[in-house]
Structure formats: C-alpha cells, structure tokens
C-alpha cells in the first residue's frame, strides 16, 4: 500500500465516525480535513512507518508548520499507520503540538 492508500483508509474510518472528510490531493501541508457539526475542524497529516518509532526528522519542516497551526489554536493531528506483522497494521493518533513523545522522535 502507498501513502494515498493510507489516507483513503483513514478517510473511510473517519466517515464511519460521522465526519465529512476532505482530502488535500498533492503535496501540501496536510492530507485531510475532518468536519463534524459543533466541532472544530480537524487538520490531519497521515504518515506510515515500519519502524518501532516514527522519526520526524524525515519531515521536520512540515511538523514544525503543523505545530505552528496547533499553537495558533487549530486542532491538528498526526495519524501514524504502523506497518508490519508485529504491528498488526494499526493506527495511532497524536494531537499536536507535541515535544517529548515515547514513540515519536526528532532523530
């Protein structure tokens, strides 16, 4: 599966939770915006990894900009798709901004 496949998978998951989900096609600051009445819009970036940690060094500038949005009051989330037999192909959701996190490293 590719990055777009994971975005689509998450989009369908969020739709089942009652969100209207808009995908930002192409290389932009974020991948999805999830909307639900009476809730703040959720700005979502989707990443995937086969590692035991997600390393933000591969997308530092993007994470910095997403953190800036979070500091301005937007609801910003990083969804990580963990890939591999031992990870059971699961998702984890992380609200930004974050600094010290046990599975996310700026290495």
PDB file of N, CA and C in Angstrom:
ATOM      1  N   UNK A   1       0.838  -1.190   0.000  1.00  0.00           N
ATOM      2  CA  UNK A   1       0.000   0.000   0.000  1.00  0.00           C
ATOM      3  C   UNK A   1       0.880   1.249   0.000  1.00  0.00           C
ATOM      4  N   UNK A   2       0.351   2.313  -0.528  1.00  0.00           N
ATOM      5  CA  UNK A   2       1.092   3.577  -0.596  1.00  0.00           C
ATOM      6  C   UNK A   2       0.469   4.602   0.351  1.00  0.00           C
ATOM      7  N   UNK A   3       1.081   5.774   0.412  1.00  0.00           N
ATOM      8  CA  UNK A   3       0.582   6.837   1.276  1.00  0.00           C
ATOM      9  C   UNK A   3      -0.859   7.214   0.977  1.00  0.00           C
ATOM     10  N   UNK A   4      -1.191   7.305  -0.306  1.00  0.00           N
ATOM     11  CA  UNK A   4      -2.563   7.664  -0.681  1.00  0.00           C
ATOM     12  C   UNK A   4      -3.554   6.591  -0.222  1.00  0.00           C
ATOM     13  N   UNK A   5      -3.125   5.338  -0.241  1.00  0.00           N
ATOM     14  CA  UNK A   5      -3.995   4.256   0.232  1.00  0.00           C
ATOM     15  C   UNK A   5      -4.288   4.409   1.722  1.00  0.00           C
ATOM     16  N   UNK A   6      -3.277   4.812   2.496  1.00  0.00           N
ATOM     17  CA  UNK A   6      -3.483   5.006   3.932  1.00  0.00           C
ATOM     18  C   UNK A   6      -4.379   6.215   4.192  1.00  0.00           C
ATOM     19  N   UNK A   7      -4.221   7.263   3.384  1.00  0.00           N
ATOM     20  CA  UNK A   7      -5.105   8.427   3.506  1.00  0.00           C
ATOM     21  C   UNK A   7      -6.549   8.017   3.240  1.00  0.00           C
ATOM     22  N   UNK A   8      -6.746   7.244   2.209  1.00  0.00           N
ATOM     23  CA  UNK A   8      -8.106   6.784   1.878  1.00  0.00           C
ATOM     24  C   UNK A   8      -8.664   5.870   2.963  1.00  0.00           C
ATOM     25  N   UNK A   9      -7.821   5.010   3.505  1.00  0.00           N
ATOM     26  CA  UNK A   9      -8.252   4.116   4.582  1.00  0.00           C
ATOM     27  C   UNK A   9      -8.713   4.931   5.791  1.00  0.00           C
ATOM     28  N   UNK A  10      -7.919   5.940   6.171  1.00  0.00           N
ATOM     29  CA  UNK A  10      -8.280   6.772   7.308  1.00  0.00           C
ATOM     30  C   UNK A  10      -9.532   7.584   6.994  1.00  0.00           C
ATOM     31  N   UNK A  11      -9.631   8.089   5.781  1.00  0.00           N
ATOM     32  CA  UNK A  11     -10.822   8.854   5.380  1.00  0.00           C
ATOM     33  C   UNK A  11     -12.080   8.024   5.582  1.00  0.00           C
ATOM     34  N   UNK A  12     -12.044   6.772   5.163  1.00  0.00           N
ATOM     35  CA  UNK A  12     -13.215   5.897   5.330  1.00  0.00           C
ATOM     36  C   UNK A  12     -13.504   5.633   6.804  1.00  0.00           C
ATOM     37  N   UNK A  13     -12.470   5.455   7.587  1.00  0.00           N
ATOM     38  CA  UNK A  13     -12.627   5.232   9.030  1.00  0.00           C
ATOM     39  C   UNK A  13     -13.307   6.441   9.684  1.00  0.00           C
ATOM     40  N   UNK A  14     -12.872   7.648   9.328  1.00  0.00           N
ATOM     41  CA  UNK A  14     -13.447   8.861   9.896  1.00  0.00           C
ATOM     42  C   UNK A  14     -14.883   9.088   9.404  1.00  0.00           C
ATOM     43  N   UNK A  15     -15.155   8.748   8.152  1.00  0.00           N
ATOM     44  CA  UNK A  15     -16.522   8.868   7.628  1.00  0.00           C
ATOM     45  C   UNK A  15     -17.483   7.999   8.436  1.00  0.00           C
ATOM     46  N   UNK A  16     -17.038   6.810   8.805  1.00  0.00           N
ATOM     47  CA  UNK A  16     -17.872   5.918   9.613  1.00  0.00           C
ATOM     48  C   UNK A  16     -18.142   6.502  10.996  1.00  0.00           C
ATOM     49  N   UNK A  17     -17.296   7.436  11.437  1.00  0.00           N
ATOM     50  CA  UNK A  17     -17.485   8.105  12.730  1.00  0.00           C
ATOM     51  C   UNK A  17     -18.320   9.377  12.582  1.00  0.00           C
ATOM     52  N   UNK A  18     -18.830   9.620  11.371  1.00  0.00           N
ATOM     53  CA  UNK A  18     -19.724  10.755  11.147  1.00  0.00           C
ATOM     54  C   UNK A  18     -19.077  12.023  10.637  1.00  0.00           C
ATOM     55  N   UNK A  19     -17.817  11.954  10.237  1.00  0.00           N
ATOM     56  CA  UNK A  19     -17.124  13.132   9.720  1.00  0.00           C
ATOM     57  C   UNK A  19     -17.303  13.266   8.215  1.00  0.00           C
ATOM     58  N   UNK A  20     -17.365  14.497   7.763  1.00  0.00           N
ATOM     59  CA  UNK A  20     -17.196  14.811   6.351  1.00  0.00           C
ATOM     60  C   UNK A  20     -15.701  15.017   6.199  1.00  0.00           C
ATOM     61  N   UNK A  21     -15.067  14.273   5.285  1.00  0.00           N
ATOM     62  CA  UNK A  21     -13.606  14.312   5.172  1.00  0.00           C
ATOM     63  C   UNK A  21     -13.214  14.804   3.789  1.00  0.00           C
ATOM     64  N   UNK A  22     -12.363  15.814   3.781  1.00  0.00           N
ATOM     65  CA  UNK A  22     -11.857  16.394   2.536  1.00  0.00           C
ATOM     66  C   UNK A  22     -10.382  16.055   2.434  1.00  0.00           C
ATOM     67  N   UNK A  23     -10.003  15.472   1.303  1.00  0.00           N
ATOM     68  CA  UNK A  23      -8.617  15.107   1.072  1.00  0.00           C
ATOM     69  C   UNK A  23      -7.924  16.205   0.284  1.00  0.00           C
ATOM     70  N   UNK A  24      -6.742  16.600   0.739  1.00  0.00           N
ATOM     71  CA  UNK A  24      -5.942  17.603   0.057  1.00  0.00           C
ATOM     72  C   UNK A  24      -4.985  16.866  -0.879  1.00  0.00           C
ATOM     73  N   UNK A  25      -5.382  16.696  -2.119  1.00  0.00           N
ATOM     74  CA  UNK A  25      -4.569  15.944  -3.078  1.00  0.00           C
ATOM     75  C   UNK A  25      -3.277  16.687  -3.391  1.00  0.00           C
ATOM     76  N   UNK A  26      -2.210  15.953  -3.528  1.00  0.00           N
ATOM     77  CA  UNK A  26      -0.923  16.559  -3.847  1.00  0.00           C
ATOM     78  C   UNK A  26      -0.083  16.767  -2.599  1.00  0.00           C
ATOM     79  N   UNK A  27       1.067  17.345  -2.789  1.00  0.00           N
ATOM     80  CA  UNK A  27       1.986  17.575  -1.673  1.00  0.00           C
ATOM     81  C   UNK A  27       1.690  18.921  -1.031  1.00  0.00           C
ATOM     82  N   UNK A  28       0.888  18.889   0.011  1.00  0.00           N
ATOM     83  CA  UNK A  28       0.526  20.102   0.740  1.00  0.00           C
ATOM     84  C   UNK A  28       0.929  19.941   2.195  1.00  0.00           C
ATOM     85  N   UNK A  29       0.588  20.906   2.998  1.00  0.00           N
ATOM     86  CA  UNK A  29       0.963  20.889   4.405  1.00  0.00           C
ATOM     87  C   UNK A  29       0.296  19.747   5.169  1.00  0.00           C
ATOM     88  N   UNK A  30      -0.935  19.411   4.801  1.00  0.00           N
ATOM     89  CA  UNK A  30      -1.654  18.330   5.487  1.00  0.00           C
ATOM     90  C   UNK A  30      -2.436  17.517   4.465  1.00  0.00           C
ATOM     91  N   UNK A  31      -2.919  16.343   4.885  1.00  0.00           N
ATOM     92  CA  UNK A  31      -3.571  15.411   3.973  1.00  0.00           C
ATOM     93  C   UNK A  31      -5.093  15.481   3.981  1.00  0.00           C
ATOM     94  N   UNK A  32      -5.670  15.639   5.179  1.00  0.00           N
ATOM     95  CA  UNK A  32      -7.117  15.583   5.317  1.00  0.00           C
ATOM     96  C   UNK A  32      -7.617  16.686   6.236  1.00  0.00           C
ATOM     97  N   UNK A  33      -8.861  17.075   6.026  1.00  0.00           N
ATOM     98  CA  UNK A  33      -9.584  17.918   6.968  1.00  0.00           C
ATOM     99  C   UNK A  33     -10.868  17.171   7.283  1.00  0.00           C
ATOM    100  N   UNK A  34     -11.127  16.952   8.575  1.00  0.00           N
ATOM    101  CA  UNK A  34     -12.327  16.234   9.001  1.00  0.00           C
ATOM    102  C   UNK A  34     -13.273  17.228   9.674  1.00  0.00           C
ATOM    103  N   UNK A  35     -14.514  17.241   9.199  1.00  0.00           N
ATOM    104  CA  UNK A  35     -15.505  18.189   9.689  1.00  0.00           C
ATOM    105  C   UNK A  35     -16.701  17.447  10.276  1.00  0.00           C
ATOM    106  N   UNK A  36     -17.182  17.971  11.397  1.00  0.00           N
ATOM    107  CA  UNK A  36     -18.374  17.423  12.034  1.00  0.00           C
ATOM    108  C   UNK A  36     -19.089  18.597  12.696  1.00  0.00           C
ATOM    109  N   UNK A  37     -20.430  18.650  12.590  1.00  0.00           N
ATOM    110  CA  UNK A  37     -21.151  19.759  13.211  1.00  0.00           C
ATOM    111  C   UNK A  37     -20.794  19.919  14.690  1.00  0.00           C
ATOM    112  N   UNK A  38     -20.698  21.170  15.118  1.00  0.00           N
ATOM    113  CA  UNK A  38     -20.419  21.531  16.511  1.00  0.00           C
ATOM    114  C   UNK A  38     -19.035  21.112  16.995  1.00  0.00           C
ATOM    115  N   UNK A  39     -18.121  20.822  16.084  1.00  0.00           N
ATOM    116  CA  UNK A  39     -16.735  20.504  16.440  1.00  0.00           C
ATOM    117  C   UNK A  39     -15.811  21.376  15.607  1.00  0.00           C
ATOM    118  N   UNK A  40     -14.642  21.668  16.182  1.00  0.00           N
ATOM    119  CA  UNK A  40     -13.633  22.384  15.408  1.00  0.00           C
ATOM    120  C   UNK A  40     -13.142  21.471  14.291  1.00  0.00           C
ATOM    121  N   UNK A  41     -12.825  22.032  13.122  1.00  0.00           N
ATOM    122  CA  UNK A  41     -12.250  21.203  12.054  1.00  0.00           C
ATOM    123  C   UNK A  41     -10.945  20.562  12.515  1.00  0.00           C
ATOM    124  N   UNK A  42     -10.720  19.350  12.077  1.00  0.00           N
ATOM    125  CA  UNK A  42      -9.504  18.626  12.418  1.00  0.00           C
ATOM    126  C   UNK A  42      -8.583  18.612  11.201  1.00  0.00           C
ATOM    127  N   UNK A  43      -7.385  19.145  11.372  1.00  0.00           N
ATOM    128  CA  UNK A  43      -6.364  19.120  10.328  1.00  0.00           C
ATOM    129  C   UNK A  43      -5.542  17.871  10.583  1.00  0.00           C
ATOM    130  N   UNK A  44      -5.400  17.045   9.549  1.00  0.00           N
ATOM    131  CA  UNK A  44      -4.787  15.729   9.745  1.00  0.00           C
ATOM    132  C   UNK A  44      -3.661  15.488   8.745  1.00  0.00           C
ATOM    133  N   UNK A  45      -2.535  15.048   9.276  1.00  0.00           N
ATOM    134  CA  UNK A  45      -1.421  14.567   8.450  1.00  0.00           C
ATOM    135  C   UNK A  45      -1.303  13.069   8.675  1.00  0.00           C
ATOM    136  N   UNK A  46      -1.136  12.315   7.593  1.00  0.00           N
ATOM    137  CA  UNK A  46      -1.035  10.858   7.656  1.00  0.00           C
ATOM    138  C   UNK A  46       0.389  10.443   7.304  1.00  0.00           C
ATOM    139  N   UNK A  47       0.973   9.640   8.160  1.00  0.00           N
ATOM    140  CA  UNK A  47       2.299   9.084   7.909  1.00  0.00           C
ATOM    141  C   UNK A  47       2.253   7.586   8.164  1.00  0.00           C
ATOM    142  N   UNK A  48       3.219   6.871   7.614  1.00  0.00           N
ATOM    143  CA  UNK A  48       3.318   5.432   7.874  1.00  0.00           C
ATOM    144  C   UNK A  48       4.780   5.080   8.126  1.00  0.00           C
ATOM    145  N   UNK A  49       4.966   4.000   8.871  1.00  0.00           N
ATOM    146  CA  UNK A  49       6.328   3.556   9.174  1.00  0.00           C
ATOM    147  C   UNK A  49       6.350   2.066   9.470  1.00  0.00           C
ATOM    148  N   UNK A  50       7.475   1.451   9.155  1.00  0.00           N
ATOM    149  CA  UNK A  50       7.718   0.055   9.514  1.00  0.00           C
ATOM    150  C   UNK A  50       8.570  -0.030  10.775  1.00  0.00           C
ATOM    151  N   UNK A  51       9.068   1.123  11.245  1.00  0.00           N
ATOM    152  CA  UNK A  51       9.915   1.171  12.432  1.00  0.00           C
ATOM    153  C   UNK A  51       9.081   1.081  13.701  1.00  0.00           C
ATOM    154  N   UNK A  52       9.760   0.938  14.832  1.00  0.00           N
ATOM    155  CA  UNK A  52       9.073   0.930  16.121  1.00  0.00           C
ATOM    156  C   UNK A  52       8.811   2.334  16.640  1.00  0.00           C
ATOM    157  N   UNK A  53       9.454   3.329  16.028  1.00  0.00           N
ATOM    158  CA  UNK A  53       9.229   4.728  16.348  1.00  0.00           C
ATOM    159  C   UNK A  53       9.000   5.463  15.037  1.00  0.00           C
ATOM    160  N   UNK A  54       8.323   6.605  15.136  1.00  0.00           N
ATOM    161  CA  UNK A  54       8.184   7.475  13.979  1.00  0.00           C
ATOM    162  C   UNK A  54       9.177   8.613  14.153  1.00  0.00           C
ATOM    163  N   UNK A  55      10.041   8.805  13.164  1.00  0.00           N
ATOM    164  CA  UNK A  55      11.087   9.816  13.237  1.00  0.00           C
ATOM    165  C   UNK A  55      10.677  11.054  12.448  1.00  0.00           C
ATOM    166  N   UNK A  56      10.505  12.168  13.143  1.00  0.00           N
ATOM    167  CA  UNK A  56      10.061  13.397  12.490  1.00  0.00           C
ATOM    168  C   UNK A  56      11.150  14.065  11.672  1.00  0.00           C
ATOM    169  N   UNK A  57      12.387  13.590  11.783  1.00  0.00           N
ATOM    170  CA  UNK A  57      13.475  14.203  11.021  1.00  0.00           C
ATOM    171  C   UNK A  57      13.222  14.128   9.519  1.00  0.00           C
ATOM    172  N   UNK A  58      12.446  13.127   9.084  1.00  0.00           N
ATOM    173  CA  UNK A  58      12.168  12.977   7.658  1.00  0.00           C
ATOM    174  C   UNK A  58      11.183  14.036   7.152  1.00  0.00           C
ATOM    175  N   UNK A  59      10.494  14.713   8.072  1.00  0.00           N
ATOM    176  CA  UNK A  59       9.501  15.715   7.670  1.00  0.00           C
ATOM    177  C   UNK A  59       9.485  16.876   8.674  1.00  0.00           C
ATOM    178  N   UNK A  60      10.671  17.253   9.152  1.00  0.00           N
ATOM    179  CA  UNK A  60      10.792  18.253  10.216  1.00  0.00           C
ATOM    180  C   UNK A  60      10.096  19.565   9.891  1.00  0.00           C
ATOM    181  N   UNK A  61      10.318  20.113   8.698  1.00  0.00           N
ATOM    182  CA  UNK A  61       9.704  21.399   8.346  1.00  0.00           C
ATOM    183  C   UNK A  61       8.179  21.306   8.374  1.00  0.00           C
ATOM    184  N   UNK A  62       7.666  20.221   7.861  1.00  0.00           N
ATOM    185  CA  UNK A  62       6.214  20.027   7.839  1.00  0.00           C
ATOM    186  C   UNK A  62       5.658  19.926   9.266  1.00  0.00           C
ATOM    187  N   UNK A  63       6.312  19.153  10.118  1.00  0.00           N
ATOM    188  CA  UNK A  63       5.874  19.013  11.508  1.00  0.00           C
ATOM    189  C   UNK A  63       5.953  20.358  12.221  1.00  0.00           C
ATOM    190  N   UNK A  64       7.000  21.127  11.956  1.00  0.00           N
ATOM    191  CA  UNK A  64       7.124  22.455  12.562  1.00  0.00           C
ATOM    192  C   UNK A  64       5.954  23.347  12.160  1.00  0.00           C
ATOM    193  N   UNK A  65       5.577  23.314  10.884  1.00  0.00           N
ATOM    194  CA  UNK A  65       4.454  24.138  10.421  1.00  0.00           C
ATOM    195  C   UNK A  65       3.132  23.653  11.024  1.00  0.00           C
ATOM    196  N   UNK A  66       2.962  22.344  11.127  1.00  0.00           N
ATOM    197  CA  UNK A  66       1.756  21.805  11.756  1.00  0.00           C
ATOM    198  C   UNK A  66       1.704  22.177  13.235  1.00  0.00           C
ATOM    199  N   UNK A  67       2.847  22.126  13.907  1.00  0.00           N
ATOM    200  CA  UNK A  67       2.901  22.573  15.307  1.00  0.00           C
ATOM    201  C   UNK A  67       2.514  24.041  15.418  1.00  0.00           C
ATOM    202  N   UNK A  68       2.976  24.866  14.478  1.00  0.00           N
ATOM    203  CA  UNK A  68       2.605  26.286  14.477  1.00  0.00           C
ATOM    204  C   UNK A  68       1.089  26.443  14.386  1.00  0.00           C
ATOM    205  N   UNK A  69       0.442  25.673  13.521  1.00  0.00           N
ATOM    206  CA  UNK A  69      -1.021  25.731  13.420  1.00  0.00           C
ATOM    207  C   UNK A  69      -1.668  25.339  14.745  1.00  0.00           C
ATOM    208  N   UNK A  70      -1.119  24.311  15.385  1.00  0.00           N
ATOM    209  CA  UNK A  70      -1.666  23.862  16.673  1.00  0.00           C
ATOM    210  C   UNK A  70      -1.512  24.953  17.734  1.00  0.00           C
ATOM    211  N   UNK A  71      -0.373  25.616  17.761  1.00  0.00           N
ATOM    212  CA  UNK A  71      -0.158  26.698  18.725  1.00  0.00           C
ATOM    213  C   UNK A  71      -1.102  27.878  18.471  1.00  0.00           C
ATOM    214  N   UNK A  72      -1.549  28.033  17.226  1.00  0.00           N
ATOM    215  CA  UNK A  72      -2.494  29.097  16.889  1.00  0.00           C
ATOM    216  C   UNK A  72      -3.931  28.721  17.247  1.00  0.00           C
ATOM    217  N   UNK A  73      -4.138  27.503  17.740  1.00  0.00           N
ATOM    218  CA  UNK A  73      -5.469  27.116  18.198  1.00  0.00           C
ATOM    219  C   UNK A  73      -6.201  26.119  17.321  1.00  0.00           C
ATOM    220  N   UNK A  74      -5.603  25.698  16.228  1.00  0.00           N
ATOM    221  CA  UNK A  74      -6.241  24.706  15.363  1.00  0.00           C
ATOM    222  C   UNK A  74      -6.092  23.307  15.972  1.00  0.00           C
ATOM    223  N   UNK A  75      -7.051  22.443  15.700  1.00  0.00           N
ATOM    224  CA  UNK A  75      -6.947  21.046  16.104  1.00  0.00           C
ATOM    225  C   UNK A  75      -6.173  20.304  15.023  1.00  0.00           C
ATOM    226  N   UNK A  76      -4.938  19.938  15.336  1.00  0.00           N
ATOM    227  CA  UNK A  76      -4.047  19.300  14.371  1.00  0.00           C
ATOM    228  C   UNK A  76      -3.648  17.932  14.907  1.00  0.00           C
ATOM    229  N   UNK A  77      -3.731  16.932  14.036  1.00  0.00           N
ATOM    230  CA  UNK A  77      -3.432  15.557  14.434  1.00  0.00           C
ATOM    231  C   UNK A  77      -2.470  14.910  13.452  1.00  0.00           C
ATOM    232  N   UNK A  78      -1.594  14.100  13.997  1.00  0.00           N
ATOM    233  CA  UNK A  78      -0.741  13.226  13.202  1.00  0.00           C
ATOM    234  C   UNK A  78      -1.264  11.809  13.416  1.00  0.00           C
ATOM    235  N   UNK A  79      -1.696  11.191  12.351  1.00  0.00           N
ATOM    236  CA  UNK A  79      -2.112   9.789  12.395  1.00  0.00           C
ATOM    237  C   UNK A  79      -0.977   8.964  11.808  1.00  0.00           C
ATOM    238  N   UNK A  80      -0.527   7.979  12.553  1.00  0.00           N
ATOM    239  CA  UNK A  80       0.559   7.117  12.083  1.00  0.00           C
ATOM    240  C   UNK A  80       0.006   5.732  11.822  1.00  0.00           C
ATOM    241  N   UNK A  81       0.288   5.229  10.627  1.00  0.00           N
ATOM    242  CA  UNK A  81      -0.107   3.863  10.251  1.00  0.00           C
ATOM    243  C   UNK A  81       1.116   2.998  10.449  1.00  0.00           C
ATOM    244  N   UNK A  82       1.051   2.106  11.444  1.00  0.00           N
ATOM    245  CA  UNK A  82       2.158   1.210  11.771  1.00  0.00           C
ATOM    246  C   UNK A  82       2.039  -0.015  10.881  1.00  0.00           C
ATOM    247  N   UNK A  83       3.076  -0.298  10.127  1.00  0.00           N
ATOM    248  CA  UNK A  83       3.048  -1.360   9.128  1.00  0.00           C
ATOM    249  C   UNK A  83       3.935  -2.512   9.566  1.00  0.00           C
ATOM    250  N   UNK A  84       3.461  -3.716   9.367  1.00  0.00           N
ATOM    251  CA  UNK A  84       4.270  -4.894   9.665  1.00  0.00           C
ATOM    252  C   UNK A  84       3.490  -5.916  10.468  1.00  0.00           C
ATOM    253  N   UNK A  85       3.948  -7.141  10.393  1.00  0.00           N
ATOM    254  CA  UNK A  85       3.259  -8.235  11.075  1.00  0.00           C
ATOM    255  C   UNK A  85       3.165  -8.009  12.573  1.00  0.00           C
ATOM    256  N   UNK A  86       4.268  -7.571  13.177  1.00  0.00           N
ATOM    257  CA  UNK A  86       4.275  -7.381  14.628  1.00  0.00           C
ATOM    258  C   UNK A  86       3.472  -6.154  15.070  1.00  0.00           C
ATOM    259  N   UNK A  87       3.154  -5.254  14.154  1.00  0.00           N
ATOM    260  CA  UNK A  87       2.406  -4.040  14.495  1.00  0.00           C
ATOM    261  C   UNK A  87       0.914  -4.189  14.219  1.00  0.00           C
ATOM    262  N   UNK A  88       0.528  -5.296  13.608  1.00  0.00           N
ATOM    263  CA  UNK A  88      -0.878  -5.610  13.345  1.00  0.00           C
ATOM    264  C   UNK A  88      -1.574  -4.530  12.517  1.00  0.00           C
ATOM    265  N   UNK A  89      -0.803  -3.804  11.695  1.00  0.00           N
ATOM    266  CA  UNK A  89      -1.365  -2.780  10.823  1.00  0.00           C
ATOM    267  C   UNK A  89      -2.339  -1.866  11.543  1.00  0.00           C
ATOM    268  N   UNK A  90      -1.895  -1.265  12.624  1.00  0.00           N
ATOM    269  CA  UNK A  90      -2.777  -0.421  13.423  1.00  0.00           C
ATOM    270  C   UNK A  90      -2.474   1.062  13.222  1.00  0.00           C
ATOM    271  N   UNK A  91      -3.393   1.872  13.683  1.00  0.00           N
ATOM    272  CA  UNK A  91      -3.273   3.322  13.638  1.00  0.00           C
ATOM    273  C   UNK A  91      -2.995   3.854  15.033  1.00  0.00           C
ATOM    274  N   UNK A  92      -2.282   4.975  15.112  1.00  0.00           N
ATOM    275  CA  UNK A  92      -2.212   5.735  16.354  1.00  0.00           C
ATOM    276  C   UNK A  92      -2.462   7.199  16.004  1.00  0.00           C
ATOM    277  N   UNK A  93      -3.095   7.893  16.915  1.00  0.00           N
ATOM    278  CA  UNK A  93      -3.499   9.290  16.707  1.00  0.00           C
ATOM    279  C   UNK A  93      -2.785  10.152  17.742  1.00  0.00           C
ATOM    280  N   UNK A  94      -2.177  11.263  17.275  1.00  0.00           N
ATOM    281  CA  UNK A  94      -1.401  12.127  18.155  1.00  0.00           C
ATOM    282  C   UNK A  94      -1.775  13.580  17.915  1.00  0.00           C
ATOM    283  N   UNK A  95      -2.244  14.229  18.960  1.00  0.00           N
ATOM    284  CA  UNK A  95      -2.617  15.640  18.854  1.00  0.00           C
ATOM    285  C   UNK A  95      -1.363  16.503  18.951  1.00  0.00           C
ATOM    286  N   UNK A  96      -1.242  17.445  18.048  1.00  0.00           N
ATOM    287  CA  UNK A  96      -0.127  18.364  18.072  1.00  0.00           C
ATOM    288  C   UNK A  96      -0.529  19.602  18.865  1.00  0.00           C
ATOM    289  N   UNK A  97       0.364  20.372  19.410  1.00  0.00           N
ATOM    290  CA  UNK A  97       1.799  20.178  19.311  1.00  0.00           C
ATOM    291  C   UNK A  97       2.276  19.098  20.281  1.00  0.00           C
ATOM    292  N   UNK A  98       3.355  18.461  19.922  1.00  0.00           N
ATOM    293  CA  UNK A  98       3.987  17.518  20.837  1.00  0.00           C
ATOM    294  C   UNK A  98       5.479  17.778  20.858  1.00  0.00           C
ATOM    295  N   UNK A  99       6.060  17.480  21.990  1.00  0.00           N
ATOM    296  CA  UNK A  99       7.503  17.656  22.141  1.00  0.00           C
ATOM    297  C   UNK A  99       8.133  16.321  22.478  1.00  0.00           C
ATOM    298  N   UNK A 100       7.972  15.859  23.690  1.00  0.00           N
ATOM    299  CA  UNK A 100       8.554  14.592  24.110  1.00  0.00           C
ATOM    300  C   UNK A 100       7.476  13.516  24.063  1.00  0.00           C
ATOM    301  N   UNK A 101       7.655  12.571  23.189  1.00  0.00           N
ATOM    302  CA  UNK A 101       6.665  11.528  22.998  1.00  0.00           C
ATOM    303  C   UNK A 101       7.398  10.181  22.926  1.00  0.00           C
ATOM    304  N   UNK A 102       6.866   9.142  23.571  1.00  0.00           N
ATOM    305  CA  UNK A 102       7.606   7.880  23.618  1.00  0.00           C
ATOM    306  C   UNK A 102       7.784   7.166  22.282  1.00  0.00           C
ATOM    307  N   UNK A 103       6.890   7.396  21.318  1.00  0.00           N
ATOM    308  CA  UNK A 103       7.044   6.703  20.035  1.00  0.00           C
ATOM    309  C   UNK A 103       7.357   7.622  18.870  1.00  0.00           C
ATOM    310  N   UNK A 104       7.472   8.908  19.157  1.00  0.00           N
ATOM    311  CA  UNK A 104       7.790   9.873  18.113  1.00  0.00           C
ATOM    312  C   UNK A 104       9.100  10.544  18.479  1.00  0.00           C
ATOM    313  N   UNK A 105      10.041  10.530  17.558  1.00  0.00           N
ATOM    314  CA  UNK A 105      11.369  11.060  17.837  1.00  0.00           C
ATOM    315  C   UNK A 105      11.773  12.043  16.756  1.00  0.00           C
ATOM    316  N   UNK A 106      12.518  13.077  17.131  1.00  0.00           N
ATOM    317  CA  UNK A 106      13.003  14.041  16.138  1.00  0.00           C
ATOM    318  C   UNK A 106      14.387  13.686  15.626  1.00  0.00           C
ATOM    319  N   UNK A 107      14.810  12.469  15.852  1.00  0.00           N
ATOM    320  CA  UNK A 107      16.114  11.987  15.413  1.00  0.00           C
ATOM    321  C   UNK A 107      16.239  12.048  13.922  1.00  0.00           C
TER     322      UNK A 107
END
